[in-house]
């Protein structure tokens, strides 16, 4: 039975530009597609060209509309696991149910092909990847998936307690970082799956993102169709309208956009230039509302535990970067523990002011990360010192074993009378304290006797070596 996923998620960068060309068939040798537009960049105060280049592997090629749908399904799997980890364990049966596909061999094979394809795809964003933390368009180059493990029915290496073989995939850290930064929008994934046309699905994702800002949008027809929907650039304006109209009609009939007569929908500006208009409906399926960012509940709780009102905590978390808030909380706790007068007068007020003003920490402040690093360095030094000590002891033990072997070899080479004479000479060199120890007998006396004998024999051997010709 298909999994219900009304409250789904879509990554905002992936909703802006398509990751595939909506063509029935690409040339077998085509391994690259490119999308490009121009937008006003308020931060730079100029018009910026954004460009996305997608390259496929030789073995699996470029992604298709169906692969794009699988990728959106992977995001839903990750959302179901609270965007907790780059590595997401799943079963293909679960993914097939989420996508609403038939439980048949063909679907399992198609999932594997799609995952292989996404592992080999590389995305090159030029001024086109929105970095939420920095609040600007940046350049990024990455694979979509770093690793994939697929567990087949015959392979029980990853069985769960229920006996369902688990597979796993690992998001690239750039894309997963965008998830965790909250660069997400809600999407009615069930509504998305209900659309028949790949063009309608792509148009839905793009418009749903835009409708969050305003209900009415007017686009250059060519730019929308070529750069944001993914239709072939070989299509002229007439062909583009013909391709878009069925998808637009489907979105109208399902209540996502307001119906319009064709002359109002498509407006000719001049020869070769057309505009297309969309107006969102008030009763359209939910999908473009802002979502709680992964981890924001924990941040809100952290602030309220420190005396901040829930409403102020929620507003602060939505407005400022996670790293900024967590840093100021850490400094706040450090200052509070030291009864700093700046904090003690109005702790919650100081904390919010510190976050808003991004206060510099005191000079003697040591972050938890620095503390952990110092502890790691101290532990490392202790381990290295202990390792050297063990190496030294091992070397000394090996040297003693070598000495013992040499002494025993020498003594065995002597006649019995000579050997007794050498042992007597060795014991005769004992100090008064050593003689007392020898007189007690036992293991201590035996160790002392052996030490005196070894020392005396080594001296004899060294004397013999020195007396040899050429020494």
Protein backbone atom coordinates (compact mmCIF):
# COMPACT_ATOMS: atom_id res chain seq x y z
CA UNK A 1 0.00 0.00 0.00
CA UNK A 2 1.47 3.41 -0.96
CA UNK A 3 2.84 5.46 1.95
CA UNK A 4 0.94 8.70 2.64
CA UNK A 5 3.31 11.67 2.61
CA UNK A 6 1.24 14.85 2.47
CA UNK A 7 3.72 16.66 4.72
CA UNK A 8 6.78 16.15 2.53
CA UNK A 9 9.92 18.20 2.00
CA UNK A 10 11.72 19.68 -1.02
CA UNK A 11 15.18 21.27 -1.09
CA UNK A 12 14.88 24.84 -2.38
CA UNK A 13 17.87 24.71 -4.75
CA UNK A 14 16.56 21.51 -6.32
CA UNK A 15 13.15 23.13 -6.79
CA UNK A 16 14.68 26.13 -8.58
CA UNK A 17 16.52 24.38 -11.43
CA UNK A 18 15.70 20.98 -12.92
CA UNK A 19 18.27 18.20 -12.68
CA UNK A 20 17.19 16.56 -15.91
CA UNK A 21 16.04 17.42 -19.42
CA UNK A 22 12.38 16.66 -20.10
CA UNK A 23 13.06 15.18 -23.50
CA UNK A 24 11.73 11.85 -24.69
CA UNK A 25 15.20 10.77 -25.72
CA UNK A 26 18.67 12.30 -25.38
CA UNK A 27 21.51 11.56 -27.74
CA UNK A 28 23.45 8.48 -26.53
CA UNK A 29 26.67 10.51 -26.49
CA UNK A 30 25.17 13.45 -24.56
CA UNK A 31 26.65 13.52 -21.07
CA UNK A 32 26.09 17.19 -20.16
CA UNK A 33 23.12 19.54 -19.86
CA UNK A 34 23.13 23.16 -18.69
CA UNK A 35 20.50 25.52 -17.30
CA UNK A 36 20.99 29.27 -16.91
CA UNK A 37 19.05 32.41 -15.95
CA UNK A 38 19.63 35.95 -14.77
CA UNK A 39 18.34 37.31 -11.45
CA UNK A 40 18.71 40.50 -9.47
CA UNK A 41 21.16 39.99 -6.59
CA UNK A 42 20.24 42.43 -3.82
CA UNK A 43 23.46 41.75 -1.91
CA UNK A 44 25.66 42.67 -4.88
CA UNK A 45 23.30 45.28 -6.27
CA UNK A 46 23.52 43.89 -9.78
CA UNK A 47 22.03 41.31 -12.12
CA UNK A 48 23.74 37.94 -11.69
CA UNK A 49 23.90 35.06 -14.14
CA UNK A 50 23.14 31.73 -12.45
CA UNK A 51 24.22 28.55 -14.14
CA UNK A 52 23.81 24.86 -13.37
CA UNK A 53 25.78 22.27 -15.34
CA UNK A 54 24.92 18.57 -14.91
CA UNK A 55 27.23 15.79 -16.09
CA UNK A 56 26.44 12.09 -16.14
CA UNK A 57 28.73 9.07 -15.98
CA UNK A 58 29.71 7.09 -19.07
CA UNK A 59 28.00 3.99 -17.70
CA UNK A 60 24.65 5.44 -16.60
CA UNK A 61 24.36 8.82 -18.32
CA UNK A 62 22.21 11.82 -17.39
CA UNK A 63 19.22 11.69 -15.02
CA UNK A 64 15.69 11.44 -16.36
CA UNK A 65 12.36 12.74 -15.02
CA UNK A 66 11.84 9.40 -13.28
CA UNK A 67 15.25 9.71 -11.60
CA UNK A 68 14.25 13.18 -10.40
CA UNK A 69 11.17 11.62 -8.82
CA UNK A 70 13.32 8.98 -7.10
CA UNK A 71 15.58 11.73 -5.75
CA UNK A 72 12.58 13.54 -4.27
CA UNK A 73 11.58 10.21 -2.74
CA UNK A 74 15.03 9.94 -1.11
CA UNK A 75 14.46 13.35 0.46
CA UNK A 76 11.17 12.07 1.91
CA UNK A 77 12.98 9.04 3.38
CA UNK A 78 15.49 11.38 4.99
CA UNK A 79 12.71 13.61 6.30
CA UNK A 80 11.04 10.56 7.90
CA UNK A 81 14.35 10.04 9.75
CA UNK A 82 14.37 13.73 10.85
CA UNK A 83 17.36 14.64 8.63
CA UNK A 84 19.48 13.16 11.42
CA UNK A 85 22.30 11.59 9.41
CA UNK A 86 23.88 11.74 5.94
CA UNK A 87 23.67 7.95 5.84
CA UNK A 88 20.07 6.83 5.42
CA UNK A 89 19.15 3.17 5.84
CA UNK A 90 16.12 1.99 3.91
CA UNK A 91 14.64 -0.91 1.99
CA UNK A 92 13.76 -0.70 -1.68
CA UNK A 93 10.32 -2.01 -0.76
CA UNK A 94 9.87 1.06 1.48
CA UNK A 95 11.00 3.45 -1.27
CA UNK A 96 8.77 1.78 -3.86
CA UNK A 97 5.80 2.16 -1.50
CA UNK A 98 6.70 5.80 -0.89
CA UNK A 99 6.79 6.47 -4.64
CA UNK A 100 3.55 4.60 -5.20
CA UNK A 101 5.11 2.15 -7.65
CA UNK A 102 4.11 -1.46 -8.15
CA UNK A 103 5.89 -4.04 -6.01
CA UNK A 104 7.48 -5.91 -8.92
CA UNK A 105 10.96 -6.76 -10.17
CA UNK A 106 10.88 -3.95 -12.71
CA UNK A 107 10.47 -1.37 -9.93
CA UNK A 108 13.37 -2.82 -7.92
CA UNK A 109 15.60 -2.73 -11.00
CA UNK A 110 14.55 0.84 -11.78
CA UNK A 111 15.44 1.96 -8.25
CA UNK A 112 18.90 0.43 -8.60
CA UNK A 113 19.46 2.10 -11.98
CA UNK A 114 18.40 5.45 -10.57
CA UNK A 115 20.70 5.19 -7.54
CA UNK A 116 23.59 4.20 -9.81
CA UNK A 117 22.84 7.22 -11.97
CA UNK A 118 22.70 9.67 -9.05
CA UNK A 119 25.98 8.32 -7.69
CA UNK A 120 27.65 9.12 -11.01
CA UNK A 121 26.04 12.54 -11.59
CA UNK A 122 28.03 15.71 -10.80
CA UNK A 123 26.39 19.11 -10.31
CA UNK A 124 28.28 22.35 -11.01
CA UNK A 125 26.50 25.41 -9.59
CA UNK A 126 27.90 28.78 -10.74
CA UNK A 127 26.40 31.61 -8.63
CA UNK A 128 23.34 29.34 -8.44
CA UNK A 129 23.52 27.48 -5.10
CA UNK A 130 21.79 29.37 -2.31
CA UNK A 131 23.83 29.13 0.89
CA UNK A 132 21.30 29.76 3.65
CA UNK A 133 23.90 30.33 6.35
CA UNK A 134 25.72 33.01 4.30
CA UNK A 135 22.52 34.30 2.68
CA UNK A 136 24.00 34.51 -0.81
CA UNK A 137 24.43 32.66 -4.10
CA UNK A 138 27.66 30.65 -4.17
CA UNK A 139 29.55 28.22 -6.40
CA UNK A 140 29.34 24.54 -5.49
CA UNK A 141 30.50 21.35 -7.22
CA UNK A 142 29.40 17.98 -5.86
CA UNK A 143 27.91 14.55 -6.46
CA UNK A 144 24.36 14.05 -5.24
CA UNK A 145 25.10 10.73 -3.50
CA UNK A 146 28.52 9.77 -2.16
CA UNK A 147 27.84 6.08 -1.52
CA UNK A 148 25.09 3.52 -2.05
CA UNK A 149 24.69 0.01 -0.62
CA UNK A 150 21.93 -2.17 -1.98
CA UNK A 151 20.90 -5.30 -0.14
CA UNK A 152 19.19 -7.83 -2.37
CA UNK A 153 16.68 -10.37 -1.17
CA UNK A 154 19.31 -13.10 -1.23
CA UNK A 155 21.72 -10.99 0.83
CA UNK A 156 20.97 -11.10 4.54
CA UNK A 157 24.02 -9.16 5.73
CA UNK A 158 21.91 -6.13 6.67
CA UNK A 159 18.70 -7.83 7.86
CA UNK A 160 16.62 -5.97 10.38
CA UNK A 161 14.87 -7.64 13.26
CA UNK A 162 11.83 -7.99 11.02
CA UNK A 163 13.86 -9.81 8.41
CA UNK A 164 13.71 -6.99 5.83
CA UNK A 165 17.02 -6.49 4.01
CA UNK A 166 18.22 -2.92 4.49
CA UNK A 167 20.06 -0.82 1.96
CA UNK A 168 21.63 2.60 2.55
CA UNK A 169 22.74 5.73 0.74
CA UNK A 170 24.92 8.66 1.82
CA UNK A 171 24.10 12.22 0.80
CA UNK A 172 26.90 14.49 -0.33
CA UNK A 173 27.80 16.79 2.56
CA UNK A 174 26.97 19.97 0.58
CA UNK A 175 23.42 18.85 -0.09
CA UNK A 176 22.94 17.39 3.39
CA UNK A 177 24.34 20.61 4.87
CA UNK A 178 21.61 22.49 3.03
CA UNK A 179 19.03 20.15 4.56
CA UNK A 180 20.36 20.78 8.05
CA UNK A 181 20.58 24.53 7.47
CA UNK A 182 16.84 24.42 6.86
CA UNK A 183 16.93 25.30 3.17
CA UNK A 184 13.74 23.30 2.76
CA UNK A 185 10.11 23.87 1.89
CA UNK A 186 7.12 21.71 2.64
CA UNK A 187 5.56 19.89 -0.30
CA UNK A 188 2.46 17.76 -0.70
CA UNK A 189 4.26 14.71 -2.01
CA UNK A 190 0.99 12.86 -2.52
CA UNK A 191 -0.26 15.70 -4.74
CA UNK A 192 3.05 15.61 -6.61
CA UNK A 193 2.66 11.86 -7.25
CA UNK A 194 -0.92 12.34 -8.40
CA UNK A 195 0.25 14.45 -11.37
CA UNK A 196 0.46 12.48 -14.61
CA UNK A 197 2.81 14.70 -16.62
CA UNK A 198 6.52 15.06 -15.89
CA UNK A 199 6.17 18.68 -17.07
CA UNK A 200 3.36 19.26 -14.56
CA UNK A 201 5.45 17.77 -11.74
CA UNK A 202 8.42 19.98 -12.57
CA UNK A 203 6.23 23.07 -12.95
CA UNK A 204 4.50 22.28 -9.65
CA UNK A 205 7.78 22.18 -7.71
CA UNK A 206 9.03 25.43 -9.25
CA UNK A 207 5.79 27.40 -8.86
CA UNK A 208 5.12 26.06 -5.37
CA UNK A 209 8.40 27.58 -4.25
CA UNK A 210 7.58 30.92 -5.89
CA UNK A 211 4.01 31.12 -4.56
CA UNK A 212 5.37 31.41 -1.03
CA UNK A 213 6.42 34.99 -1.85
CA UNK A 214 3.35 36.06 -3.85
CA UNK A 215 0.36 34.51 -5.60
CA UNK A 216 0.85 36.01 -9.09
CA UNK A 217 3.94 35.44 -11.23
CA UNK A 218 4.84 36.49 -14.74
CA UNK A 219 7.75 34.80 -16.56
CA UNK A 220 9.54 34.97 -19.86
CA UNK A 221 8.18 31.89 -21.64
CA UNK A 222 11.52 30.69 -23.02
CA UNK A 223 13.37 31.12 -19.73
CA UNK A 224 10.70 29.32 -17.72
CA UNK A 225 10.36 26.41 -20.16
CA UNK A 226 14.04 25.96 -21.00
CA UNK A 227 15.80 26.83 -17.73
CA UNK A 228 13.30 25.94 -14.96
CA UNK A 229 11.13 23.20 -16.46
CA UNK A 230 13.79 21.55 -18.62
CA UNK A 231 12.15 21.52 -22.06
CA UNK A 232 14.49 21.30 -25.06
CA UNK A 233 15.95 24.55 -26.40
CA UNK A 234 15.14 23.37 -29.91
CA UNK A 235 11.46 24.14 -29.21
CA UNK A 236 10.25 27.53 -30.43
CA UNK A 237 7.55 29.55 -28.64
CA UNK A 238 4.72 27.72 -30.36
CA UNK A 239 6.16 24.31 -29.48
CA UNK A 240 6.82 25.38 -25.89
CA UNK A 241 3.20 26.48 -25.44
CA UNK A 242 2.02 23.19 -26.92
CA UNK A 243 4.19 21.27 -24.42
CA UNK A 244 3.14 23.40 -21.44
CA UNK A 245 -0.60 23.62 -22.00
CA UNK A 246 -1.43 19.98 -20.98
CA UNK A 247 0.61 20.36 -17.79
CA UNK A 248 -0.97 23.74 -17.01
CA UNK A 249 -4.45 22.29 -17.63
CA UNK A 250 -3.69 19.44 -15.19
CA UNK A 251 -2.57 21.91 -12.51
CA UNK A 252 -5.72 23.98 -13.12
CA UNK A 253 -8.01 20.95 -12.86
CA UNK A 254 -6.38 19.84 -9.61
CA UNK A 255 -6.83 23.28 -8.07
CA UNK A 256 -3.19 24.35 -7.84
CA UNK A 257 -3.39 27.38 -10.16
CA UNK A 258 -6.29 29.55 -11.28
CA UNK A 259 -7.71 28.76 -14.75
CA UNK A 260 -7.08 31.40 -17.41
CA UNK A 261 -8.03 31.77 -21.07
CA UNK A 262 -5.04 31.06 -23.27
CA UNK A 263 -4.72 34.72 -24.47
CA UNK A 264 -4.39 35.80 -20.82
CA UNK A 265 -2.05 32.94 -19.91
CA UNK A 266 0.33 33.58 -22.84
CA UNK A 267 1.00 37.17 -23.87
CA UNK A 268 3.15 38.19 -26.83
CA UNK A 269 5.52 41.09 -26.05
CA UNK A 270 7.27 41.32 -29.39
CA UNK A 271 8.37 39.03 -32.19
CA UNK A 272 9.92 35.93 -30.64
CA UNK A 273 9.22 36.98 -27.03
CA UNK A 274 6.28 35.71 -25.01
CA UNK A 275 5.28 36.01 -21.32
CA UNK A 276 3.36 33.39 -19.34
CA UNK A 277 1.35 34.16 -16.18
CA UNK A 278 0.37 31.98 -13.21
CA UNK A 279 -1.84 32.79 -10.23
CA UNK A 280 -1.94 30.45 -7.25
CA UNK A 281 -5.27 29.43 -5.76
CA UNK A 282 -6.22 30.05 -2.16
CA UNK A 283 -7.40 26.47 -1.74
CA UNK A 284 -4.44 24.77 -3.42
CA UNK A 285 -2.84 21.82 -1.61
CA UNK A 286 -0.51 22.87 1.21
CA UNK A 287 3.09 22.75 0.15
CA UNK A 288 4.95 26.04 0.24
CA UNK A 289 4.66 26.93 3.90
CA UNK A 290 7.88 27.55 5.82
CA UNK A 291 8.95 24.53 7.83
CA UNK A 292 10.60 24.11 11.17
CA UNK A 293 14.29 23.66 10.47
CA UNK A 294 15.95 20.41 11.57
CA UNK A 295 17.15 20.94 15.13
CA UNK A 296 15.23 24.21 15.72
CA UNK A 297 13.04 22.62 18.42
CA UNK A 298 16.21 21.83 20.37
CA UNK A 299 17.46 25.41 19.93
CA UNK A 300 14.13 26.85 21.08
CA UNK A 301 14.21 24.55 24.11
CA UNK A 302 17.79 25.59 24.87
CA UNK A 303 16.81 29.26 24.86
CA UNK A 304 13.66 28.80 26.95
CA UNK A 305 15.62 26.75 29.50
CA UNK A 306 17.78 29.85 29.94
CA UNK A 307 14.81 32.08 30.68
CA UNK A 308 13.92 33.34 27.18
CA UNK A 309 10.18 33.49 26.44
CA UNK A 310 8.93 30.88 23.92
CA UNK A 311 7.81 33.53 21.41
CA UNK A 312 11.17 35.36 21.54
CA UNK A 313 13.02 32.04 21.30
CA UNK A 314 11.02 31.00 18.23
CA UNK A 315 11.55 34.37 16.51
CA UNK A 316 15.28 34.31 17.28
CA UNK A 317 15.76 30.79 15.95
CA UNK A 318 13.98 31.62 12.71
CA UNK A 319 15.96 34.84 12.20
CA UNK A 320 19.56 33.90 13.07
CA UNK A 321 21.94 31.13 12.02
CA UNK A 322 22.17 28.00 14.12
CA UNK A 323 25.95 28.43 14.58
CA UNK A 324 25.49 32.00 15.81
CA UNK A 325 22.92 30.97 18.42
CA UNK A 326 24.81 27.92 19.69
CA UNK A 327 28.05 29.93 20.01
CA UNK A 328 26.38 32.64 22.08
CA UNK A 329 24.64 30.05 24.27
CA UNK A 330 27.99 28.43 24.98
CA UNK A 331 29.58 31.79 25.89
CA UNK A 332 26.53 32.66 27.99
CA UNK A 333 26.77 29.43 30.00
CA UNK A 334 30.51 30.00 30.51
CA UNK A 335 29.96 33.56 31.79
CA UNK A 336 27.02 32.51 33.98
CA UNK A 337 29.11 29.79 35.63
CA UNK A 338 31.69 32.44 36.52
CA UNK A 339 28.98 34.79 37.87
CA UNK A 340 29.93 37.49 35.40
CA UNK A 341 28.03 40.70 36.40
CA UNK A 342 27.16 41.40 32.75
CA UNK A 343 25.04 38.27 32.70
CA UNK A 344 23.71 38.13 36.24
CA UNK A 345 21.65 41.34 36.04
CA UNK A 346 19.33 40.05 33.27
CA UNK A 347 20.46 36.67 31.92
CA UNK A 348 17.75 36.15 29.23
CA UNK A 349 18.04 39.75 28.00
CA UNK A 350 21.83 39.50 27.79
CA UNK A 351 21.62 36.24 25.83
CA UNK A 352 19.21 37.64 23.22
CA UNK A 353 21.28 40.85 22.91
CA UNK A 354 24.41 38.76 22.46
CA UNK A 355 22.78 36.75 19.64
CA UNK A 356 21.44 39.86 17.90
CA UNK A 357 24.71 41.79 18.24
CA UNK A 358 26.89 38.69 17.76
CA UNK A 359 29.03 39.68 20.75
CA UNK A 360 32.70 38.72 20.72
CA UNK A 361 33.48 36.24 23.54
CA UNK A 362 35.75 37.32 26.45
CA UNK A 363 39.48 36.97 25.85
CA UNK A 364 39.82 34.15 28.40
CA UNK A 365 36.84 32.22 27.02
CA UNK A 366 37.65 28.67 25.94
CA UNK A 367 35.05 27.00 23.78
CA UNK A 368 34.04 23.38 24.31
CA UNK A 369 35.63 22.57 20.98
CA UNK A 370 38.94 24.10 22.09
CA UNK A 371 38.68 22.27 25.40
CA UNK A 372 38.12 18.99 23.61
CA UNK A 373 41.01 19.72 21.27
CA UNK A 374 43.34 20.49 24.19
CA UNK A 375 42.24 17.35 26.02
CA UNK A 376 42.81 15.41 22.81
CA UNK A 377 46.31 16.89 22.51
CA UNK A 378 47.12 16.06 26.16
CA UNK A 379 45.81 12.54 25.73
CA UNK A 380 47.84 12.23 22.53
CA UNK A 381 51.02 13.33 24.29
CA UNK A 382 50.39 10.85 27.12
CA UNK A 383 49.83 8.07 24.62
CA UNK A 384 53.01 8.97 22.74
CA UNK A 385 55.03 9.10 25.99
CA UNK A 386 53.61 5.75 27.10
CA UNK A 387 54.37 4.28 23.69
CA UNK A 388 57.98 5.49 23.89
CA UNK A 389 58.28 4.10 27.43
CA UNK A 390 57.00 0.72 26.25
CA UNK A 391 59.38 0.77 23.30
CA UNK A 392 62.25 1.60 25.64
CA UNK A 393 61.32 -1.22 28.04
CA UNK A 394 60.93 -3.62 25.14
CA UNK A 395 64.35 -2.59 23.83
CA UNK A 396 65.91 -3.01 27.26
CA UNK A 397 64.27 -6.41 27.65
CA UNK A 398 65.54 -7.47 24.24
CA UNK A 399 69.03 -6.26 25.16
CA UNK A 400 68.95 -8.22 28.42
CA UNK A 401 67.83 -11.34 26.56
CA UNK A 402 70.74 -10.87 24.15
CA UNK A 403 73.18 -10.42 27.04
CA UNK A 404 71.86 -13.53 28.78
CA UNK A 405 72.23 -15.61 25.63
CA UNK A 406 75.81 -14.41 25.09
CA UNK A 407 76.79 -15.07 28.71
CA UNK A 408 75.27 -18.54 28.73
CA UNK A 409 76.92 -19.38 25.42
CA UNK A 410 80.28 -18.29 26.82
CA UNK A 411 79.90 -20.24 30.07
CA UNK A 412 78.87 -23.42 28.23
CA UNK A 413 82.03 -23.19 26.14
CA UNK A 414 84.23 -23.35 29.28
CA UNK A 415 85.36 -26.49 31.11
CA UNK A 416 83.51 -27.06 34.35
CA UNK A 417 86.46 -26.04 36.55
CA UNK A 418 86.99 -22.81 34.59
CA UNK A 419 83.28 -22.05 34.71
CA UNK A 420 83.28 -22.45 38.51
CA UNK A 421 86.30 -20.13 38.70
CA UNK A 422 84.54 -17.43 36.66
CA UNK A 423 81.44 -17.66 38.85
CA UNK A 424 83.56 -17.39 42.01
CA UNK A 425 85.34 -14.30 40.61
CA UNK A 426 81.97 -12.70 39.81
CA UNK A 427 80.60 -13.28 43.31
CA UNK A 428 83.83 -12.04 44.86
CA UNK A 429 83.16 -8.60 43.35
CA UNK A 430 79.87 -8.24 45.26
CA UNK A 431 79.51 -5.28 47.63
CA UNK A 432 78.69 -5.82 51.32
CA UNK A 433 75.02 -5.11 50.64
CA UNK A 434 74.98 -7.53 47.70
CA UNK A 435 76.64 -10.22 49.84
CA UNK A 436 73.86 -9.85 52.45
CA UNK A 437 71.28 -10.26 49.71
CA UNK A 438 73.08 -13.34 48.34
CA UNK A 439 73.15 -14.86 51.82
CA UNK A 440 69.35 -14.68 52.11
CA UNK A 441 68.87 -16.98 49.16
CA UNK A 442 65.51 -17.05 47.34
CA UNK A 443 64.53 -15.35 44.05
CA UNK A 444 66.19 -12.05 45.02
CA UNK A 445 69.50 -13.78 45.68
CA UNK A 446 69.27 -15.72 42.41
CA UNK A 447 68.60 -12.51 40.43
CA UNK A 448 71.57 -10.82 42.11
CA UNK A 449 73.83 -13.79 41.41
CA UNK A 450 72.81 -13.74 37.73
CA UNK A 451 73.38 -9.97 37.50
CA UNK A 452 76.89 -10.20 39.00
CA UNK A 453 77.77 -13.12 36.75
CA UNK A 454 76.50 -11.38 33.59
CA UNK A 455 78.37 -8.19 34.44
CA UNK A 456 81.63 -10.05 35.09
CA UNK A 457 81.37 -12.22 31.98
CA UNK A 458 80.65 -9.21 29.75
CA UNK A 459 83.76 -7.47 31.08
CA UNK A 460 85.80 -10.59 30.32
CA UNK A 461 84.39 -10.77 26.80
CA UNK A 462 85.07 -7.07 26.20
CA UNK A 463 88.65 -7.59 27.40
CA UNK A 464 89.06 -10.54 25.06
CA UNK A 465 87.60 -8.53 22.13
CA UNK A 466 89.98 -5.64 22.85
CA UNK A 467 93.02 -7.97 22.96
CA UNK A 468 92.30 -9.46 19.53
CA UNK A 469 94.52 -8.39 16.64
CA UNK A 470 93.08 -5.36 14.82
CA UNK A 471 90.85 -4.39 17.73
